[in-house]
C-alpha atoms as a PDB file:
ATOM      1  CA  MET A   1     134.433 -70.904  20.476  1.00  0.00           C
ATOM      2  CA  ASN A   2     137.492 -70.104  18.055  1.00  0.00           C
ATOM      3  CA  ARG A   3     137.166 -68.885  14.771  1.00  0.00           C
ATOM      4  CA  ALA A   4     140.212 -69.213  12.404  1.00  0.00           C
ATOM      5  CA  GLY A   5     140.189 -70.146   9.120  1.00  0.00           C
ATOM      6  CA  ILE A   6     142.605 -71.626   6.549  1.00  0.00           C
ATOM      7  CA  ASP A   7     144.195 -70.473   2.857  1.00  0.00           C
ATOM      8  CA  PRO A   8     144.662 -73.140   0.580  1.00  0.00           C
ATOM      9  CA  ALA A   9     146.656 -71.058  -2.266  1.00  0.00           C
ATOM     10  CA  ALA A  10     148.070 -73.779  -3.689  1.00  0.00           C
ATOM     11  CA  LEU A  11     146.114 -76.889  -4.887  1.00  0.00           C
ATOM     12  CA  PRO A  12     146.012 -79.087  -7.945  1.00  0.00           C
ATOM     13  CA  SER A  13     144.095 -78.721 -11.086  1.00  0.00           C
ATOM     14  CA  ASP A  14     141.037 -76.642 -10.722  1.00  0.00           C
ATOM     15  CA  GLU A  15     142.401 -74.634  -7.676  1.00  0.00           C
ATOM     16  CA  GLU A  16     145.277 -74.062  -9.963  1.00  0.00           C
ATOM     17  CA  ARG A  17     143.503 -72.998 -12.480  1.00  0.00           C
ATOM     18  CA  GLY A  18     141.433 -70.268 -10.781  1.00  0.00           C
ATOM     19  CA  LEU A  19     144.589 -69.114  -8.828  1.00  0.00           C
ATOM     20  CA  LEU A  20     146.104 -68.413 -12.662  1.00  0.00           C
ATOM     21  CA  ARG A  21     143.136 -66.640 -13.660  1.00  0.00           C
ATOM     22  CA  ALA A  22     143.498 -64.160 -10.627  1.00  0.00           C
ATOM     23  CA  ILE A  23     147.168 -63.960 -10.916  1.00  0.00           C
ATOM     24  CA  ARG A  24     147.100 -63.451 -15.031  1.00  0.00           C
ATOM     25  CA  GLY A  25     143.457 -62.053 -15.325  1.00  0.00           C
ATOM     26  CA  GLY A  26     141.040 -64.255 -17.567  1.00  0.00           C
ATOM     27  CA  ASP A  27     141.047 -67.772 -18.216  1.00  0.00           C
ATOM     28  CA  VAL A  28     144.175 -69.502 -18.712  1.00  0.00           C
ATOM     29  CA  GLU A  29     145.278 -72.436 -20.640  1.00  0.00           C
ATOM     30  CA  LEU A  30     146.862 -75.045 -17.974  1.00  0.00           C
ATOM     31  CA  THR A  31     149.420 -76.011 -20.635  1.00  0.00           C
ATOM     32  CA  ASP A  32     152.440 -77.467 -19.236  1.00  0.00           C
ATOM     33  CA  GLU A  33     154.496 -74.856 -19.177  1.00  0.00           C
ATOM     34  CA  VAL A  34     152.041 -72.302 -17.655  1.00  0.00           C
ATOM     35  CA  ARG A  35     152.019 -75.062 -14.957  1.00  0.00           C
ATOM     36  CA  ALA A  36     155.752 -75.294 -14.800  1.00  0.00           C
ATOM     37  CA  GLY A  37     155.909 -71.312 -14.546  1.00  0.00           C
ATOM     38  CA  TYR A  38     153.517 -71.595 -11.487  1.00  0.00           C
ATOM     39  CA  MET A  39     155.195 -74.561  -9.882  1.00  0.00           C
ATOM     40  CA  SER A  40     158.761 -72.662  -9.794  1.00  0.00           C
ATOM     41  CA  SER A  41     156.978 -69.652  -8.248  1.00  0.00           C
ATOM     42  CA  ILE A  42     155.831 -72.075  -5.114  1.00  0.00           C
ATOM     43  CA  PRO A  43     159.102 -72.603  -2.962  1.00  0.00           C
ATOM     44  CA  MET A  44     158.245 -75.885  -1.983  1.00  0.00           C
ATOM     45  CA  GLY A  45     157.786 -76.653  -5.586  1.00  0.00           C
ATOM     46  CA  ARG A  46     154.802 -78.444  -5.818  1.00  0.00           C
ATOM     47  CA  VAL A  47     151.319 -77.932  -5.251  1.00  0.00           C
ATOM     48  CA  ALA A  48     149.619 -79.153  -1.628  1.00  0.00           C
ATOM     49  CA  SER A  49     147.859 -82.383  -1.568  1.00  0.00           C
ATOM     50  CA  VAL A  50     144.258 -82.616  -0.072  1.00  0.00           C
ATOM     51  CA  GLU A  51     145.551 -84.401   2.704  1.00  0.00           C
ATOM     52  CA  GLU A  52     147.919 -81.560   3.849  1.00  0.00           C
ATOM     53  CA  VAL A  53     145.206 -79.104   3.640  1.00  0.00           C
ATOM     54  CA  THR A  54     142.440 -81.025   5.441  1.00  0.00           C
ATOM     55  CA  GLY A  55     145.296 -82.115   8.342  1.00  0.00           C
ATOM     56  CA  VAL A  56     145.255 -78.146   8.786  1.00  0.00           C
ATOM     57  CA  VAL A  57     141.043 -78.235   8.922  1.00  0.00           C
ATOM     58  CA  ARG A  58     140.964 -81.220  11.665  1.00  0.00           C
ATOM     59  CA  PHE A  59     143.646 -79.088  13.412  1.00  0.00           C
ATOM     60  CA  LEU A  60     141.341 -76.051  13.467  1.00  0.00           C
ATOM     61  CA  ALA A  61     138.247 -78.275  14.314  1.00  0.00           C
ATOM     62  CA  SER A  62     140.329 -80.239  17.129  1.00  0.00           C
ATOM     63  CA  PRO A  63     140.816 -79.444  21.209  1.00  0.00           C
ATOM     64  CA  ASP A  64     144.203 -78.382  20.364  1.00  0.00           C
ATOM     65  CA  SER A  65     143.561 -75.321  18.449  1.00  0.00           C
ATOM     66  CA  ALA A  66     141.506 -73.902  21.346  1.00  0.00           C
ATOM     67  CA  TYR A  67     143.140 -70.969  21.631  1.00  0.00           C
ATOM     68  CA  ILE A  68     143.810 -70.031  18.179  1.00  0.00           C
ATOM     69  CA  THR A  69     141.108 -66.777  17.013  1.00  0.00           C
ATOM     70  CA  GLY A  70     141.122 -64.755  14.442  1.00  0.00           C
ATOM     71  CA  ALA A  71     143.945 -66.489  12.100  1.00  0.00           C
ATOM     72  CA  VAL A  72     144.153 -66.933   9.070  1.00  0.00           C
ATOM     73  CA  ILE A  73     146.510 -69.941   8.370  1.00  0.00           C
ATOM     74  CA  PRO A  74     148.254 -70.441   4.683  1.00  0.00           C
ATOM     75  CA  VAL A  75     148.350 -73.529   3.255  1.00  0.00           C
ATOM     76  CA  ASP A  76     150.071 -72.375   0.512  1.00  0.00           C
ATOM     77  CA  GLY A  77     153.806 -74.131   0.069  1.00  0.00           C
ATOM     78  CA  GLY A  78     155.150 -70.864   0.743  1.00  0.00           C
ATOM     79  CA  LEU A  79     153.699 -68.758  -2.118  1.00  0.00           C
ATOM     80  CA  GLY A  80     152.541 -66.048   0.261  1.00  0.00           C
ATOM     81  CA  MET A  81     155.597 -65.617   2.207  1.00  0.00           C
ATOM     82  CA  GLY A  82     156.326 -61.815   2.827  1.00  0.00           C
ATOM     83  CA  HIS A  83     152.798 -60.979   2.291  1.00  0.00           C
END
């Protein structure tokens, strides 16, 4: 049995607010200005779609990932590069 996980750091709406809260500390009003600043920090310039994240989940649940274990796969549009 393989063990792996995903790290979906860049998702729309509620997830964005949670990430911004973690980055800035405390509650953050998700204004257009705050959202634009957050988007500019993501190399792909956008948040992940639910389908993009679930695609990774489907892969990890499939036989194609049989030899993957102990991995955390970032699904973050490049936000965590270098970490």
